[in-house]
C-alpha atoms as a PDB file:
ATOM      1  CA  MET A   1     -14.552 -20.726  -1.024  1.00  0.00           C
ATOM      2  CA  GLU A   2     -16.144 -18.237   1.424  1.00  0.00           C
ATOM      3  CA  VAL A   3     -13.685 -15.341   1.867  1.00  0.00           C
ATOM      4  CA  LEU A   4     -13.904 -12.287   4.116  1.00  0.00           C
ATOM      5  CA  LEU A   5     -11.948  -9.345   2.685  1.00  0.00           C
ATOM      6  CA  THR A   6     -11.337  -6.441   5.072  1.00  0.00           C
ATOM      7  CA  GLY A   7     -10.477  -3.074   3.554  1.00  0.00           C
ATOM      8  CA  ALA A   8     -12.179  -4.337   0.402  1.00  0.00           C
ATOM      9  CA  PHE A   9     -12.561  -0.988  -1.336  1.00  0.00           C
ATOM     10  CA  GLY A  10      -9.065   0.419  -0.954  1.00  0.00           C
ATOM     11  CA  ASN A  11      -6.228   0.305  -3.494  1.00  0.00           C
ATOM     12  CA  ILE A  12      -5.115  -3.274  -2.842  1.00  0.00           C
ATOM     13  CA  GLY A  13      -8.585  -4.304  -1.712  1.00  0.00           C
ATOM     14  CA  THR A  14     -10.224  -3.678  -5.065  1.00  0.00           C
ATOM     15  CA  SER A  15      -7.431  -5.498  -6.916  1.00  0.00           C
ATOM     16  CA  THR A  16      -7.813  -8.464  -4.575  1.00  0.00           C
ATOM     17  CA  LEU A  17     -11.608  -8.422  -4.805  1.00  0.00           C
ATOM     18  CA  LYS A  18     -11.526  -8.560  -8.611  1.00  0.00           C
ATOM     19  CA  GLU A  19      -9.130 -11.504  -8.588  1.00  0.00           C
ATOM     20  CA  LEU A  20     -11.053 -13.409  -5.911  1.00  0.00           C
ATOM     21  CA  ILE A  21     -14.226 -13.029  -7.970  1.00  0.00           C
ATOM     22  CA  ARG A  22     -12.404 -14.081 -11.142  1.00  0.00           C
ATOM     23  CA  GLN A  23     -11.232 -17.237  -9.387  1.00  0.00           C
ATOM     24  CA  GLY A  24     -14.781 -18.098  -8.370  1.00  0.00           C
ATOM     25  CA  HIS A  25     -14.726 -17.325  -4.654  1.00  0.00           C
ATOM     26  CA  LYS A  26     -17.716 -15.856  -2.832  1.00  0.00           C
ATOM     27  CA  VAL A  27     -16.502 -12.698  -1.131  1.00  0.00           C
ATOM     28  CA  ARG A  28     -17.854 -10.868   1.884  1.00  0.00           C
ATOM     29  CA  CYS A  29     -16.516  -7.298   1.765  1.00  0.00           C
ATOM     30  CA  PHE A  30     -15.927  -5.506   5.065  1.00  0.00           C
ATOM     31  CA  ASP A  31     -15.114  -1.800   5.126  1.00  0.00           C
ATOM     32  CA  LEU A  32     -16.058   1.558   6.605  1.00  0.00           C
ATOM     33  CA  LYS A  33     -19.241   3.075   5.244  1.00  0.00           C
ATOM     34  CA  THR A  34     -17.928   6.181   3.526  1.00  0.00           C
ATOM     35  CA  ARG A  35     -19.202   7.928   0.424  1.00  0.00           C
ATOM     36  CA  ALA A  36     -16.255   6.708  -1.647  1.00  0.00           C
ATOM     37  CA  ASN A  37     -16.591   3.129  -0.398  1.00  0.00           C
ATOM     38  CA  GLU A  38     -20.337   3.088  -1.040  1.00  0.00           C
ATOM     39  CA  LYS A  39     -19.734   4.261  -4.608  1.00  0.00           C
ATOM     40  CA  ALA A  40     -17.129   1.534  -5.155  1.00  0.00           C
ATOM     41  CA  ALA A  41     -19.418  -1.086  -3.620  1.00  0.00           C
ATOM     42  CA  ARG A  42     -22.302  -0.157  -5.950  1.00  0.00           C
ATOM     43  CA  ARG A  43     -20.042  -0.663  -8.976  1.00  0.00           C
ATOM     44  CA  PHE A  44     -19.022  -4.125  -7.824  1.00  0.00           C
ATOM     45  CA  ILE A  45     -22.561  -5.166  -6.900  1.00  0.00           C
ATOM     46  CA  GLU A  46     -23.901  -4.059 -10.285  1.00  0.00           C
ATOM     47  CA  ARG A  47     -21.174  -5.986 -12.080  1.00  0.00           C
ATOM     48  CA  PHE A  48     -20.905  -9.070  -9.876  1.00  0.00           C
ATOM     49  CA  ASN A  49     -24.346  -9.455  -8.352  1.00  0.00           C
ATOM     50  CA  GLY A  50     -24.535 -12.665  -6.313  1.00  0.00           C
ATOM     51  CA  GLN A  51     -20.769 -13.096  -6.021  1.00  0.00           C
ATOM     52  CA  ILE A  52     -20.152 -10.497  -3.336  1.00  0.00           C
ATOM     53  CA  GLU A  53     -21.774  -9.396  -0.113  1.00  0.00           C
ATOM     54  CA  VAL A  54     -21.040  -6.049   1.541  1.00  0.00           C
ATOM     55  CA  VAL A  55     -20.946  -5.667   5.324  1.00  0.00           C
ATOM     56  CA  TRP A  56     -20.262  -2.175   6.661  1.00  0.00           C
ATOM     57  CA  GLY A  57     -18.546  -1.823  10.002  1.00  0.00           C
ATOM     58  CA  ASP A  58     -15.633  -0.665  12.135  1.00  0.00           C
ATOM     59  CA  LEU A  59     -12.750  -2.875  13.244  1.00  0.00           C
ATOM     60  CA  ARG A  60     -12.934  -1.257  16.672  1.00  0.00           C
ATOM     61  CA  ARG A  61     -16.447  -2.707  17.225  1.00  0.00           C
ATOM     62  CA  PRO A  62     -16.259  -6.431  18.145  1.00  0.00           C
ATOM     63  CA  GLU A  63     -19.919  -6.928  17.227  1.00  0.00           C
ATOM     64  CA  ASP A  64     -19.277  -5.682  13.686  1.00  0.00           C
ATOM     65  CA  ILE A  65     -16.370  -8.066  13.278  1.00  0.00           C
ATOM     66  CA  ALA A  66     -18.262 -11.030  14.739  1.00  0.00           C
ATOM     67  CA  ALA A  67     -21.034 -10.593  12.160  1.00  0.00           C
ATOM     68  CA  ALA A  68     -18.518 -10.293   9.316  1.00  0.00           C
ATOM     69  CA  VAL A  69     -16.459 -13.368  10.277  1.00  0.00           C
ATOM     70  CA  HIS A  70     -19.423 -15.738  10.719  1.00  0.00           C
ATOM     71  CA  GLY A  71     -19.355 -18.622   8.235  1.00  0.00           C
ATOM     72  CA  GLN A  72     -16.102 -17.640   6.483  1.00  0.00           C
ATOM     73  CA  GLU A  73     -13.328 -20.058   5.535  1.00  0.00           C
ATOM     74  CA  VAL A  74     -10.488 -17.579   4.911  1.00  0.00           C
ATOM     75  CA  VAL A  75      -9.986 -13.981   6.055  1.00  0.00           C
ATOM     76  CA  VAL A  76      -7.809 -11.650   3.968  1.00  0.00           C
ATOM     77  CA  HIS A  77      -7.000  -8.789   6.331  1.00  0.00           C
ATOM     78  CA  LEU A  78      -6.036  -5.593   4.505  1.00  0.00           C
ATOM     79  CA  ALA A  79      -7.804  -2.888   6.542  1.00  0.00           C
ATOM     80  CA  PHE A  80      -5.181  -0.642   8.163  1.00  0.00           C
ATOM     81  CA  ILE A  81      -4.585   3.060   8.777  1.00  0.00           C
ATOM     82  CA  ILE A  82      -1.530   3.981   6.685  1.00  0.00           C
ATOM     83  CA  PRO A  83       0.996   6.843   6.940  1.00  0.00           C
ATOM     84  CA  LYS A  84      -0.196   8.766   3.874  1.00  0.00           C
ATOM     85  CA  LEU A  85      -3.223   8.908   1.547  1.00  0.00           C
ATOM     86  CA  SER A  86      -5.478   7.146   4.020  1.00  0.00           C
ATOM     87  CA  VAL A  87      -9.069   6.847   2.776  1.00  0.00           C
ATOM     88  CA  THR A  88     -10.179   7.843   6.264  1.00  0.00           C
ATOM     89  CA  GLY A  89      -8.455  11.214   5.844  1.00  0.00           C
ATOM     90  CA  ILE A  90      -6.499  10.522   9.046  1.00  0.00           C
ATOM     91  CA  GLU A  91      -2.877   9.391   8.825  1.00  0.00           C
ATOM     92  CA  SER A  92      -1.174   6.978  11.204  1.00  0.00           C
ATOM     93  CA  GLU A  93       1.809   9.213  11.946  1.00  0.00           C
ATOM     94  CA  GLU A  94      -0.292  12.251  12.810  1.00  0.00           C
ATOM     95  CA  HIS A  95      -2.753  10.338  15.019  1.00  0.00           C
ATOM     96  CA  PRO A  96      -0.813   7.290  16.262  1.00  0.00           C
ATOM     97  CA  ASP A  97      -3.063   6.471  19.231  1.00  0.00           C
ATOM     98  CA  TRP A  98      -6.206   6.499  17.103  1.00  0.00           C
ATOM     99  CA  ALA A  99      -4.440   4.522  14.352  1.00  0.00           C
ATOM    100  CA  ARG A 100      -3.309   1.945  16.888  1.00  0.00           C
ATOM    101  CA  GLU A 101      -6.908   1.428  18.033  1.00  0.00           C
ATOM    102  CA  VAL A 102      -7.825   0.528  14.462  1.00  0.00           C
ATOM    103  CA  ASN A 103      -4.666  -1.286  13.388  1.00  0.00           C
ATOM    104  CA  VAL A 104      -3.690  -3.269  16.472  1.00  0.00           C
ATOM    105  CA  GLY A 105      -6.943  -3.218  18.425  1.00  0.00           C
ATOM    106  CA  GLY A 106      -8.973  -3.966  15.305  1.00  0.00           C
ATOM    107  CA  THR A 107      -6.720  -6.864  14.338  1.00  0.00           C
ATOM    108  CA  GLN A 108      -7.059  -8.309  17.855  1.00  0.00           C
ATOM    109  CA  ASN A 109     -10.853  -8.008  17.594  1.00  0.00           C
ATOM    110  CA  LEU A 110     -10.696  -9.847  14.288  1.00  0.00           C
ATOM    111  CA  LEU A 111      -8.532 -12.658  15.685  1.00  0.00           C
ATOM    112  CA  ASN A 112     -10.826 -13.028  18.704  1.00  0.00           C
ATOM    113  CA  ALA A 113     -13.887 -13.272  16.473  1.00  0.00           C
ATOM    114  CA  MET A 114     -12.194 -15.837  14.247  1.00  0.00           C
ATOM    115  CA  LYS A 115     -11.188 -18.031  17.210  1.00  0.00           C
ATOM    116  CA  ALA A 116     -14.774 -17.897  18.528  1.00  0.00           C
ATOM    117  CA  GLN A 117     -16.122 -19.599  15.378  1.00  0.00           C
ATOM    118  CA  PRO A 118     -17.042 -23.318  15.536  1.00  0.00           C
ATOM    119  CA  GLU A 119     -14.660 -23.845  12.617  1.00  0.00           C
ATOM    120  CA  PRO A 120     -12.120 -20.985  12.753  1.00  0.00           C
ATOM    121  CA  PRO A 121     -11.110 -19.606   9.352  1.00  0.00           C
ATOM    122  CA  LYS A 122      -7.530 -19.161   8.174  1.00  0.00           C
ATOM    123  CA  ILE A 123      -6.032 -15.676   8.044  1.00  0.00           C
ATOM    124  CA  ILE A 124      -3.883 -13.963   5.419  1.00  0.00           C
ATOM    125  CA  PHE A 125      -2.382 -10.824   6.962  1.00  0.00           C
ATOM    126  CA  ALA A 126      -0.979  -8.077   4.733  1.00  0.00           C
ATOM    127  CA  SER A 127       2.146  -6.624   6.329  1.00  0.00           C
ATOM    128  CA  SER A 128       4.763  -4.280   4.848  1.00  0.00           C
ATOM    129  CA  TYR A 129       8.455  -4.120   4.032  1.00  0.00           C
ATOM    130  CA  HIS A 130       8.522  -0.864   6.008  1.00  0.00           C
ATOM    131  CA  ILE A 131       9.093  -3.007   9.106  1.00  0.00           C
ATOM    132  CA  TYR A 132      12.779  -3.395   8.162  1.00  0.00           C
ATOM    133  CA  GLY A 133      13.421   0.296   8.810  1.00  0.00           C
ATOM    134  CA  ARG A 134      16.256   2.160   7.088  1.00  0.00           C
ATOM    135  CA  THR A 135      18.424  -0.390   5.278  1.00  0.00           C
ATOM    136  CA  GLN A 136      20.082   1.609   2.496  1.00  0.00           C
ATOM    137  CA  ASP A 137      23.468   1.050   4.197  1.00  0.00           C
ATOM    138  CA  GLN A 138      23.043  -2.724   3.850  1.00  0.00           C
ATOM    139  CA  PRO A 139      23.498  -4.810   0.707  1.00  0.00           C
ATOM    140  CA  PRO A 140      20.157  -5.801  -0.847  1.00  0.00           C
ATOM    141  CA  PRO A 141      17.893  -7.671  -1.053  1.00  0.00           C
ATOM    142  CA  ARG A 142      15.949  -7.880   2.190  1.00  0.00           C
ATOM    143  CA  THR A 143      14.920 -11.382   3.212  1.00  0.00           C
ATOM    144  CA  VAL A 144      12.290 -12.808   5.557  1.00  0.00           C
ATOM    145  CA  SER A 145      15.019 -13.661   8.083  1.00  0.00           C
ATOM    146  CA  ASP A 146      16.358 -10.086   8.273  1.00  0.00           C
ATOM    147  CA  PRO A 147      15.789  -8.340  11.637  1.00  0.00           C
ATOM    148  CA  VAL A 148      12.881  -5.916  11.775  1.00  0.00           C
ATOM    149  CA  GLN A 149      13.617  -2.372  12.959  1.00  0.00           C
ATOM    150  CA  PRO A 150      10.388  -0.391  12.573  1.00  0.00           C
ATOM    151  CA  ILE A 151      10.554   3.402  12.699  1.00  0.00           C
ATOM    152  CA  GLU A 152       7.064   4.700  11.915  1.00  0.00           C
ATOM    153  CA  HIS A 153       4.050   4.060  14.131  1.00  0.00           C
ATOM    154  CA  TYR A 154       2.554   2.267  11.113  1.00  0.00           C
ATOM    155  CA  ALA A 155       5.491  -0.151  10.930  1.00  0.00           C
ATOM    156  CA  HIS A 156       5.388  -0.749  14.692  1.00  0.00           C
ATOM    157  CA  HIS A 157       1.694  -1.612  14.326  1.00  0.00           C
ATOM    158  CA  LYS A 158       2.479  -4.082  11.531  1.00  0.00           C
ATOM    159  CA  VAL A 159       5.155  -5.818  13.626  1.00  0.00           C
ATOM    160  CA  GLU A 160       2.829  -6.073  16.618  1.00  0.00           C
ATOM    161  CA  CYS A 161       0.063  -7.511  14.438  1.00  0.00           C
ATOM    162  CA  GLU A 162       2.434 -10.060  12.902  1.00  0.00           C
ATOM    163  CA  HIS A 163       3.251 -11.323  16.407  1.00  0.00           C
ATOM    164  CA  MET A 164      -0.452 -11.467  17.317  1.00  0.00           C
ATOM    165  CA  VAL A 165      -1.315 -13.427  14.171  1.00  0.00           C
ATOM    166  CA  LYS A 166       1.465 -15.955  14.777  1.00  0.00           C
ATOM    167  CA  ALA A 167       0.439 -16.411  18.410  1.00  0.00           C
ATOM    168  CA  SER A 168      -3.287 -16.707  17.636  1.00  0.00           C
ATOM    169  CA  GLY A 169      -3.417 -20.473  17.217  1.00  0.00           C
ATOM    170  CA  LEU A 170      -5.084 -19.967  13.821  1.00  0.00           C
ATOM    171  CA  GLU A 171      -3.739 -21.107  10.482  1.00  0.00           C
ATOM    172  CA  TRP A 172      -1.981 -18.060   9.062  1.00  0.00           C
ATOM    173  CA  THR A 173       0.262 -16.614   6.409  1.00  0.00           C
ATOM    174  CA  ILE A 174       1.839 -13.163   6.347  1.00  0.00           C
ATOM    175  CA  LEU A 175       2.602 -11.309   3.127  1.00  0.00           C
ATOM    176  CA  ARG A 176       4.970  -8.348   3.484  1.00  0.00           C
ATOM    177  CA  LEU A 177       4.153  -6.020   0.607  1.00  0.00           C
ATOM    178  CA  SER A 178       6.537  -3.738  -1.292  1.00  0.00           C
ATOM    179  CA  ALA A 179       5.577  -0.347  -2.763  1.00  0.00           C
ATOM    180  CA  THR A 180       2.110  -0.732  -4.267  1.00  0.00           C
ATOM    181  CA  LEU A 181       1.088   2.545  -5.891  1.00  0.00           C
ATOM    182  CA  PRO A 182      -2.578   3.218  -6.687  1.00  0.00           C
ATOM    183  CA  LEU A 183      -3.363   3.507 -10.395  1.00  0.00           C
ATOM    184  CA  ALA A 184      -5.265   6.734  -9.733  1.00  0.00           C
ATOM    185  CA  ILE A 185      -2.159   8.304  -8.237  1.00  0.00           C
ATOM    186  CA  LYS A 186      -2.228  11.554  -6.282  1.00  0.00           C
ATOM    187  CA  LEU A 187       0.862  13.759  -6.075  1.00  0.00           C
ATOM    188  CA  ASP A 188       0.995  14.124  -2.314  1.00  0.00           C
ATOM    189  CA  PRO A 189       3.705  16.034  -0.359  1.00  0.00           C
ATOM    190  CA  ALA A 190       4.812  12.618   0.944  1.00  0.00           C
ATOM    191  CA  MET A 191       6.384  11.987  -2.462  1.00  0.00           C
ATOM    192  CA  PHE A 192       9.229  14.282  -1.414  1.00  0.00           C
ATOM    193  CA  ASP A 193      10.079  12.288   1.734  1.00  0.00           C
ATOM    194  CA  VAL A 194      12.061   9.653  -0.183  1.00  0.00           C
ATOM    195  CA  PRO A 195      15.613  10.436  -1.410  1.00  0.00           C
ATOM    196  CA  LEU A 196      16.040   9.977  -5.138  1.00  0.00           C
ATOM    197  CA  ASP A 197      18.860   7.451  -4.648  1.00  0.00           C
ATOM    198  CA  ASN A 198      16.741   5.267  -2.328  1.00  0.00           C
ATOM    199  CA  ARG A 199      16.232   1.665  -3.458  1.00  0.00           C
ATOM    200  CA  MET A 200      12.537   0.864  -3.865  1.00  0.00           C
ATOM    201  CA  GLU A 201      10.888  -2.310  -5.093  1.00  0.00           C
ATOM    202  CA  PHE A 202       7.651  -1.700  -6.960  1.00  0.00           C
ATOM    203  CA  VAL A 203       4.858  -4.248  -7.273  1.00  0.00           C
ATOM    204  CA  HIS A 204       1.751  -3.680  -9.371  1.00  0.00           C
ATOM    205  CA  THR A 205      -1.493  -3.503  -7.392  1.00  0.00           C
ATOM    206  CA  ARG A 206      -3.072  -6.121  -9.676  1.00  0.00           C
ATOM    207  CA  ASP A 207      -0.153  -8.490  -9.027  1.00  0.00           C
ATOM    208  CA  VAL A 208      -0.617  -8.027  -5.270  1.00  0.00           C
ATOM    209  CA  GLY A 209      -4.295  -8.855  -5.718  1.00  0.00           C
ATOM    210  CA  LEU A 210      -3.294 -11.984  -7.624  1.00  0.00           C
ATOM    211  CA  ALA A 211      -0.808 -13.004  -4.913  1.00  0.00           C
ATOM    212  CA  LEU A 212      -3.426 -12.639  -2.178  1.00  0.00           C
ATOM    213  CA  ALA A 213      -6.100 -14.490  -4.151  1.00  0.00           C
ATOM    214  CA  ASN A 214      -3.701 -17.314  -5.018  1.00  0.00           C
ATOM    215  CA  ALA A 215      -2.739 -17.580  -1.349  1.00  0.00           C
ATOM    216  CA  VAL A 216      -6.380 -18.249  -0.439  1.00  0.00           C
ATOM    217  CA  SER A 217      -6.356 -21.545  -2.339  1.00  0.00           C
ATOM    218  CA  SER A 218      -2.738 -22.521  -1.719  1.00  0.00           C
ATOM    219  CA  GLU A 219      -1.874 -25.509   0.450  1.00  0.00           C
ATOM    220  CA  GLU A 220       1.768 -24.460   0.887  1.00  0.00           C
ATOM    221  CA  VAL A 221       1.653 -20.893   2.233  1.00  0.00           C
ATOM    222  CA  TRP A 222       0.291 -21.577   5.729  1.00  0.00           C
ATOM    223  CA  GLY A 223       2.705 -20.864   8.550  1.00  0.00           C
ATOM    224  CA  LYS A 224       4.967 -18.892   6.192  1.00  0.00           C
ATOM    225  CA  THR A 225       5.976 -15.239   5.961  1.00  0.00           C
ATOM    226  CA  LEU A 226       6.510 -14.171   2.348  1.00  0.00           C
ATOM    227  CA  LEU A 227       7.888 -11.042   0.697  1.00  0.00           C
ATOM    228  CA  ILE A 228       5.756  -9.688  -2.145  1.00  0.00           C
ATOM    229  CA  GLY A 229       7.493  -7.534  -4.754  1.00  0.00           C
ATOM    230  CA  GLY A 230       7.614  -7.098  -8.489  1.00  0.00           C
ATOM    231  CA  GLY A 231      10.844  -9.044  -8.938  1.00  0.00           C
ATOM    232  CA  PRO A 232      14.186  -8.010 -10.472  1.00  0.00           C
ATOM    233  CA  SER A 233      12.571  -5.922 -13.250  1.00  0.00           C
ATOM    234  CA  CYS A 234      10.816  -3.828 -10.589  1.00  0.00           C
ATOM    235  CA  GLN A 235      13.870  -3.185  -8.430  1.00  0.00           C
ATOM    236  CA  LEU A 236      14.334   0.510  -9.085  1.00  0.00           C
ATOM    237  CA  TYR A 237      15.775   3.647  -7.578  1.00  0.00           C
ATOM    238  CA  TYR A 238      13.231   6.203  -6.498  1.00  0.00           C
ATOM    239  CA  ARG A 239      14.618   8.625  -9.077  1.00  0.00           C
ATOM    240  CA  GLU A 240      13.506   6.253 -11.859  1.00  0.00           C
ATOM    241  CA  ILE A 241      10.008   5.922 -10.405  1.00  0.00           C
ATOM    242  CA  VAL A 242       9.463   9.650  -9.922  1.00  0.00           C
ATOM    243  CA  GLN A 243      10.920  10.619 -13.283  1.00  0.00           C
ATOM    244  CA  GLN A 244       8.810   8.137 -15.255  1.00  0.00           C
ATOM    245  CA  ILE A 245       5.620   9.173 -13.469  1.00  0.00           C
ATOM    246  CA  LEU A 246       6.219  12.928 -13.782  1.00  0.00           C
ATOM    247  CA  ASP A 247       7.347  12.661 -17.411  1.00  0.00           C
ATOM    248  CA  ALA A 248       4.302  10.550 -18.286  1.00  0.00           C
ATOM    249  CA  MET A 249       2.012  13.092 -16.630  1.00  0.00           C
ATOM    250  CA  GLY A 250       3.610  15.924 -18.580  1.00  0.00           C
ATOM    251  CA  ILE A 251       5.121  17.657 -15.555  1.00  0.00           C
ATOM    252  CA  GLY A 252       8.746  16.648 -15.986  1.00  0.00           C
ATOM    253  CA  MET A 253      11.345  15.789 -13.376  1.00  0.00           C
ATOM    254  CA  LEU A 254      11.703  18.139 -10.418  1.00  0.00           C
ATOM    255  CA  PRO A 255      14.965  19.430  -8.889  1.00  0.00           C
ATOM    256  CA  GLU A 256      16.835  17.118  -6.535  1.00  0.00           C
ATOM    257  CA  GLU A 257      16.621  19.803  -3.829  1.00  0.00           C
ATOM    258  CA  ALA A 258      12.889  19.120  -3.581  1.00  0.00           C
ATOM    259  CA  PHE A 259      13.510  15.665  -2.094  1.00  0.00           C
ATOM    260  CA  SER A 260      14.673  14.530   1.323  1.00  0.00           C
ATOM    261  CA  SER A 261      18.203  13.275   1.932  1.00  0.00           C
ATOM    262  CA  THR A 262      17.224  11.053   4.901  1.00  0.00           C
ATOM    263  CA  PRO A 263      17.087   7.347   3.909  1.00  0.00           C
ATOM    264  CA  PHE A 264      13.551   6.012   3.706  1.00  0.00           C
ATOM    265  CA  CYS A 265      12.161   2.628   4.800  1.00  0.00           C
ATOM    266  CA  THR A 266      12.099   0.914   1.407  1.00  0.00           C
ATOM    267  CA  ASP A 267      14.461  -1.517  -0.316  1.00  0.00           C
ATOM    268  CA  TRP A 268      14.684  -4.385  -2.775  1.00  0.00           C
ATOM    269  CA  VAL A 269      13.402  -7.756  -1.557  1.00  0.00           C
ATOM    270  CA  ASP A 270      13.939 -11.449  -2.227  1.00  0.00           C
ATOM    271  CA  THR A 271      10.732 -12.759  -3.789  1.00  0.00           C
ATOM    272  CA  THR A 272      12.049 -16.154  -4.915  1.00  0.00           C
ATOM    273  CA  GLU A 273       9.858 -18.144  -2.515  1.00  0.00           C
ATOM    274  CA  SER A 274       6.704 -16.054  -2.888  1.00  0.00           C
ATOM    275  CA  GLN A 275       6.887 -16.214  -6.671  1.00  0.00           C
ATOM    276  CA  ARG A 276       7.443 -19.990  -6.580  1.00  0.00           C
ATOM    277  CA  LEU A 277       4.350 -20.471  -4.436  1.00  0.00           C
ATOM    278  CA  LEU A 278       2.012 -17.786  -5.763  1.00  0.00           C
ATOM    279  CA  ARG A 279       3.014 -17.121  -9.416  1.00  0.00           C
ATOM    280  CA  TYR A 280       1.882 -13.505  -9.321  1.00  0.00           C
ATOM    281  CA  GLN A 281       4.611 -11.423 -11.017  1.00  0.00           C
ATOM    282  CA  GLN A 282       2.963 -10.577 -14.332  1.00  0.00           C
ATOM    283  CA  ARG A 283       3.459  -6.804 -14.708  1.00  0.00           C
ATOM    284  CA  ASP A 284       6.274  -4.284 -14.366  1.00  0.00           C
ATOM    285  CA  PHE A 285       6.572  -0.554 -13.762  1.00  0.00           C
ATOM    286  CA  ASN A 286       6.106   0.280 -17.451  1.00  0.00           C
ATOM    287  CA  ASP A 287       2.701  -1.431 -17.310  1.00  0.00           C
ATOM    288  CA  TYR A 288       1.807   0.698 -14.301  1.00  0.00           C
ATOM    289  CA  VAL A 289       2.764   3.937 -16.067  1.00  0.00           C
ATOM    290  CA  ARG A 290       0.685   3.031 -19.129  1.00  0.00           C
ATOM    291  CA  GLU A 291      -2.388   2.290 -16.996  1.00  0.00           C
ATOM    292  CA  MET A 292      -1.887   5.442 -14.930  1.00  0.00           C
ATOM    293  CA  VAL A 293      -1.754   7.575 -18.089  1.00  0.00           C
ATOM    294  CA  ALA A 294      -4.871   5.908 -19.476  1.00  0.00           C
ATOM    295  CA  LEU A 295      -6.753   6.738 -16.271  1.00  0.00           C
ATOM    296  CA  LEU A 296      -5.621  10.367 -16.428  1.00  0.00           C
ATOM    297  CA  GLY A 297      -7.261  10.730 -19.847  1.00  0.00           C
ATOM    298  CA  TYR A 298      -7.871  14.320 -20.916  1.00  0.00           C
ATOM    299  CA  ARG A 299      -6.419  15.642 -17.640  1.00  0.00           C
ATOM    300  CA  ARG A 300      -2.948  14.755 -18.925  1.00  0.00           C
ATOM    301  CA  HIS A 301      -3.353  17.252 -21.769  1.00  0.00           C
ATOM    302  CA  LEU A 302      -4.464  19.927 -19.307  1.00  0.00           C
ATOM    303  CA  ILE A 303      -1.396  19.251 -17.175  1.00  0.00           C
ATOM    304  CA  ARG A 304       0.850  19.695 -20.216  1.00  0.00           C
ATOM    305  CA  VAL A 305      -0.818  23.006 -21.075  1.00  0.00           C
ATOM    306  CA  PHE A 306      -0.409  24.300 -17.534  1.00  0.00           C
ATOM    307  CA  ARG A 307       2.967  22.632 -16.909  1.00  0.00           C
ATOM    308  CA  PRO A 308       4.718  25.668 -15.314  1.00  0.00           C
ATOM    309  CA  ILE A 309       1.814  26.150 -12.903  1.00  0.00           C
ATOM    310  CA  ALA A 310       1.752  22.428 -12.046  1.00  0.00           C
ATOM    311  CA  ARG A 311       5.502  22.440 -11.355  1.00  0.00           C
ATOM    312  CA  TYR A 312       5.242  25.573  -9.223  1.00  0.00           C
ATOM    313  CA  TRP A 313       2.332  24.074  -7.258  1.00  0.00           C
ATOM    314  CA  LEU A 314       4.232  20.849  -6.600  1.00  0.00           C
ATOM    315  CA  LEU A 315       7.444  22.563  -5.556  1.00  0.00           C
ATOM    316  CA  ARG A 316       5.505  24.744  -3.128  1.00  0.00           C
ATOM    317  CA  ARG A 317       4.385  21.523  -1.405  1.00  0.00           C
ATOM    318  CA  SER A 318       7.950  20.313  -0.777  1.00  0.00           C
ATOM    319  CA  PRO A 319       9.323  21.396   2.630  1.00  0.00           C
ATOM    320  CA  TYR A 320      12.816  20.402   1.511  1.00  0.00           C
ATOM    321  CA  PHE A 321      12.716  22.670  -1.515  1.00  0.00           C
ATOM    322  CA  ALA A 322      11.526  25.586   0.600  1.00  0.00           C
ATOM    323  CA  ARG A 323      14.443  25.120   3.008  1.00  0.00           C
ATOM    324  CA  SER A 324      16.894  24.786   0.133  1.00  0.00           C
ATOM    325  CA  LYS A 325      15.563  27.976  -1.417  1.00  0.00           C
ATOM    326  CA  ALA A 326      15.888  29.807   1.911  1.00  0.00           C
ATOM    327  CA  ARG A 327      19.515  28.685   2.305  1.00  0.00           C
ATOM    328  CA  TRP A 328      20.425  29.862  -1.183  1.00  0.00           C
ATOM    329  CA  SER A 329      18.639  33.167  -0.662  1.00  0.00           C
ATOM    330  CA  LYS A 330      20.877  33.860   2.352  1.00  0.00           C
ATOM    331  CA  ARG A 331      24.002  33.118   0.318  1.00  0.00           C
ATOM    332  CA  ARG A 332      23.147  35.204  -2.735  1.00  0.00           C
ATOM    333  CA  PRO A 333      22.989  39.008  -2.889  1.00  0.00           C
ATOM    334  CA  ALA A 334      19.478  40.410  -3.153  1.00  0.00           C
ATOM    335  CA  THR A 335      20.389  41.966  -6.499  1.00  0.00           C
ATOM    336  CA  HIS A 336      20.812  38.502  -8.065  1.00  0.00           C
ATOM    337  CA  PRO A 337      17.401  36.815  -7.872  1.00  0.00           C
ATOM    338  CA  ILE A 338      17.175  33.059  -8.364  1.00  0.00           C
ATOM    339  CA  VAL A 339      14.569  31.542 -10.653  1.00  0.00           C
ATOM    340  CA  TRP A 340      13.259  28.210  -9.341  1.00  0.00           C
ATOM    341  CA  GLY A 341      11.282  25.538 -11.153  1.00  0.00           C
END
């Protein structure tokens, strides 16, 4: 099958691309022409010559999208500006107007180009469970029928795009993804924004790629909205996720004061229907940690050697820890210093 994959060289994009190729599809990759994306594209072309085609472009340019969509049977739309760790270097919450041009405007350009084709392709749109907002006060799991209450600009963009996709007149399916961490993880200050007692469903990036690839060939997913998560074995509290990652890296768990106390937009989800249709849940969080450690290689030993410095560096990046430290400093006499870390 001829498949257009937008955002092909991102975290989920590369997992999806590998699985589409494995299943025998011919994939046209659409992404921004950046140094990192060009490097990733060269690796795929060298390995899978003849099975993929790379088209560079910008979702904001209708002519770029029109060229990419031509002759495709299914579009898997992943390209989106996200709140943190965006490959563009620009985050949706810091530049919401610019992000909306890409996320909402770009998706509309894509839908317009698809509808202009003599035989319009189907679309698989990757949404997010962030659209449910803060739900920690509600009994889990979240379901497709739950009301959406987006908080971030990113989540508002996802909700708007879902409506556009459904109203497009095209054949569609929407997959709302749970937490999908990159294997080459970066310890970003955003890690501190989630309270340790927050429910979070993890799903392995390779399993998401499998779900998306299986959806391409499915006859039953069209017209459905599905929740994609790792299943009961991946329904964790954020404390478990952070502790396993930091312990595996050799850093060790950080103080609770380093993390926010404001509920975050994650939860556990009901994946009964998506698993029945797509059969994608093959890995759990332990698999992720093992692969993450393998990718770290020798750097893990360096982290262990310089563990106090690594901990100090991380804690300095937490705004919550800094405020906690300031509060304690006001309460304690200057003659009784506090050692943090």
